[in-house]
Amino acid sequence: MVQRSRRGVIAASGIGAQLAGQRRPVFALRLGTILEIASVAGIGMVAEPATAWLAIVPVLFVYGLATAQISGVVLADVPAANSGQASGTQSTSRQIGSAFGIAILGMVLLSALGALLCQRLSGIPGCRPGSAPRWWRG
């Protein structure tokens, strides 16, 4: 499924680059950001364990349109001699941001699930409603 769904992102990246060449970089960046937010929200609404990969591909296609534009705008003013270094820095920064975002969302999810679990299991000793689980307090 992952290999098939990447095709939408790859195909959209090429189309997005052609569309961005016809407009100013600021327009491409704004549109790309809006499309990326919409596609991530779309994945959240569409994706579930039983979802067929064909249902996710259109959302990933839109995500590909966005991702290619953001990278292109960031690297547009970099001289060719420094393009490799700039591309690596941009890619690394994006990956670090993604890692921190996932870590923070994971922490929020675990704390919410822990609090909910204590509420649902309030009859068990040591687990009071509204209290954090023992493993969360350290």
Protein backbone atom coordinates (compact mmCIF):
# COMPACT_ATOMS: atom_id res chain seq x y z
CA MET A 1 0.00 0.00 0.00
CA VAL A 2 2.79 2.44 0.86
CA GLN A 3 4.53 1.97 -2.49
CA ARG A 4 1.30 2.54 -4.39
CA SER A 5 0.34 5.60 -2.36
CA ARG A 6 3.73 7.23 -2.99
CA ARG A 7 2.90 7.34 -6.68
CA GLY A 8 0.34 10.08 -6.02
CA VAL A 9 2.92 12.20 -4.23
CA ILE A 10 5.53 11.67 -6.96
CA ALA A 11 3.13 12.45 -9.80
CA ALA A 12 1.81 15.57 -8.10
CA SER A 13 5.31 16.87 -7.41
CA GLY A 14 6.03 17.15 -11.14
CA ILE A 15 2.71 18.80 -11.88
CA GLY A 16 3.15 21.22 -9.00
CA ALA A 17 6.56 22.33 -10.27
CA GLN A 18 5.08 23.18 -13.66
CA LEU A 19 2.20 25.11 -12.09
CA ALA A 20 4.56 27.06 -9.83
CA GLY A 21 6.64 28.16 -12.81
CA GLN A 22 3.65 30.15 -14.06
CA ARG A 23 3.12 32.13 -10.82
CA ARG A 24 5.15 34.12 -8.31
CA PRO A 25 6.95 32.12 -5.57
CA VAL A 26 4.86 33.72 -2.81
CA PHE A 27 1.67 32.43 -4.43
CA ALA A 28 3.14 28.93 -4.68
CA LEU A 29 4.21 28.99 -1.04
CA ARG A 30 0.82 30.15 0.21
CA LEU A 31 -1.07 27.70 -1.96
CA GLY A 32 1.32 24.90 -1.00
CA THR A 33 0.83 25.53 2.69
CA ILE A 34 -2.95 25.57 2.34
CA LEU A 35 -2.89 22.36 0.27
CA GLU A 36 -0.57 20.65 2.74
CA ILE A 37 -2.83 21.50 5.68
CA ALA A 38 -5.89 20.35 3.72
CA SER A 39 -4.25 17.09 2.68
CA VAL A 40 -3.06 16.22 6.20
CA ALA A 41 -6.57 16.91 7.48
CA GLY A 42 -7.94 14.80 4.62
CA ILE A 43 -5.69 11.89 5.54
CA GLY A 44 -6.93 12.19 9.11
CA MET A 45 -10.53 11.99 7.92
CA VAL A 46 -10.05 9.22 5.35
CA ALA A 47 -7.41 6.90 6.79
CA GLU A 48 -8.39 4.05 9.05
CA PRO A 49 -7.27 0.42 9.22
CA ALA A 50 -9.81 -0.80 6.68
CA THR A 51 -9.31 2.03 4.16
CA ALA A 52 -8.35 0.93 0.67
CA TRP A 53 -5.22 2.57 -0.74
CA LEU A 54 -7.22 4.04 -3.63
CA ALA A 55 -9.13 6.22 -1.17
CA ILE A 56 -5.90 7.75 0.16
CA VAL A 57 -4.12 8.36 -3.17
CA PRO A 58 -6.06 11.55 -4.09
CA VAL A 59 -5.17 13.11 -0.74
CA LEU A 60 -1.51 12.17 -1.20
CA PHE A 61 -1.64 13.66 -4.69
CA VAL A 62 -2.65 17.01 -3.19
CA TYR A 63 0.09 16.63 -0.56
CA GLY A 64 2.64 16.13 -3.33
CA LEU A 65 1.53 19.36 -4.98
CA ALA A 66 2.23 21.18 -1.73
CA THR A 67 5.51 19.60 -0.70
CA ALA A 68 7.32 20.23 -3.96
CA GLN A 69 6.41 23.91 -3.92
CA ILE A 70 7.60 24.62 -0.41
CA SER A 71 11.03 23.12 -1.12
CA GLY A 72 11.28 24.91 -4.45
CA VAL A 73 10.49 28.33 -2.98
CA VAL A 74 12.97 27.87 -0.14
CA LEU A 75 15.78 26.98 -2.56
CA ALA A 76 14.87 29.46 -5.34
CA ASP A 77 17.33 32.20 -4.31
CA VAL A 78 20.26 29.94 -3.46
CA PRO A 79 23.23 30.13 -5.86
CA ALA A 80 23.91 26.94 -7.82
CA ALA A 81 27.27 26.48 -6.10
CA ASN A 82 25.55 26.25 -2.70
CA SER A 83 22.41 24.40 -3.78
CA GLY A 84 23.51 21.02 -2.41
CA GLN A 85 24.28 22.41 1.01
CA ALA A 86 21.06 24.46 1.07
CA SER A 87 18.98 21.48 -0.02
CA GLY A 88 20.51 19.31 2.71
CA THR A 89 19.92 21.98 5.34
CA GLN A 90 16.33 22.47 4.22
CA SER A 91 15.65 18.73 4.17
CA THR A 92 17.26 18.20 7.57
CA SER A 93 15.29 21.08 9.09
CA ARG A 94 12.07 19.67 7.71
CA GLN A 95 12.85 16.20 9.10
CA ILE A 96 13.75 17.60 12.54
CA GLY A 97 10.51 19.59 12.56
CA SER A 98 8.55 16.47 11.63
CA ALA A 99 10.26 14.44 14.36
CA PHE A 100 9.53 17.06 17.02
CA GLY A 101 5.94 17.39 15.83
CA ILE A 102 5.38 13.65 15.98
CA ALA A 103 7.01 13.46 19.43
CA ILE A 104 4.86 16.27 20.81
CA LEU A 105 1.66 14.84 19.33
CA GLY A 106 2.58 11.40 20.68
CA MET A 107 3.11 12.86 24.15
CA VAL A 108 -0.26 14.62 24.03
CA LEU A 109 -1.94 11.42 22.82
CA LEU A 110 -0.38 9.30 25.56
CA SER A 111 -1.30 11.76 28.30
CA ALA A 112 -4.88 12.00 27.04
CA LEU A 113 -5.18 8.23 26.78
CA GLY A 114 -3.68 7.82 30.24
CA ALA A 115 -6.16 10.24 31.78
CA LEU A 116 -9.05 8.59 29.95
CA LEU A 117 -7.90 5.15 31.04
CA CYS A 118 -7.84 6.25 34.68
CA GLN A 119 -11.34 7.65 34.35
CA ARG A 120 -12.65 4.42 32.87
CA LEU A 121 -10.83 2.24 35.40
CA SER A 122 -11.60 4.36 38.47
CA GLY A 123 -12.44 1.30 40.59
CA ILE A 124 -8.88 -0.02 40.47
CA PRO A 125 -6.65 0.98 43.44
CA GLY A 126 -4.04 3.61 42.58
CA CYS A 127 -5.95 4.96 39.59
CA ARG A 128 -8.12 7.94 40.47
CA PRO A 129 -10.11 9.94 37.90
CA GLY A 130 -8.22 13.05 36.89
CA SER A 131 -4.86 11.73 38.08
CA ALA A 132 -2.03 10.89 35.75
CA PRO A 133 -0.97 7.27 35.48
CA ARG A 134 1.97 6.20 37.63
CA TRP A 135 4.28 5.73 34.62
CA TRP A 136 3.49 9.28 33.45
CA ARG A 137 4.52 10.89 36.75
CA GLY A 138 7.94 9.22 36.62
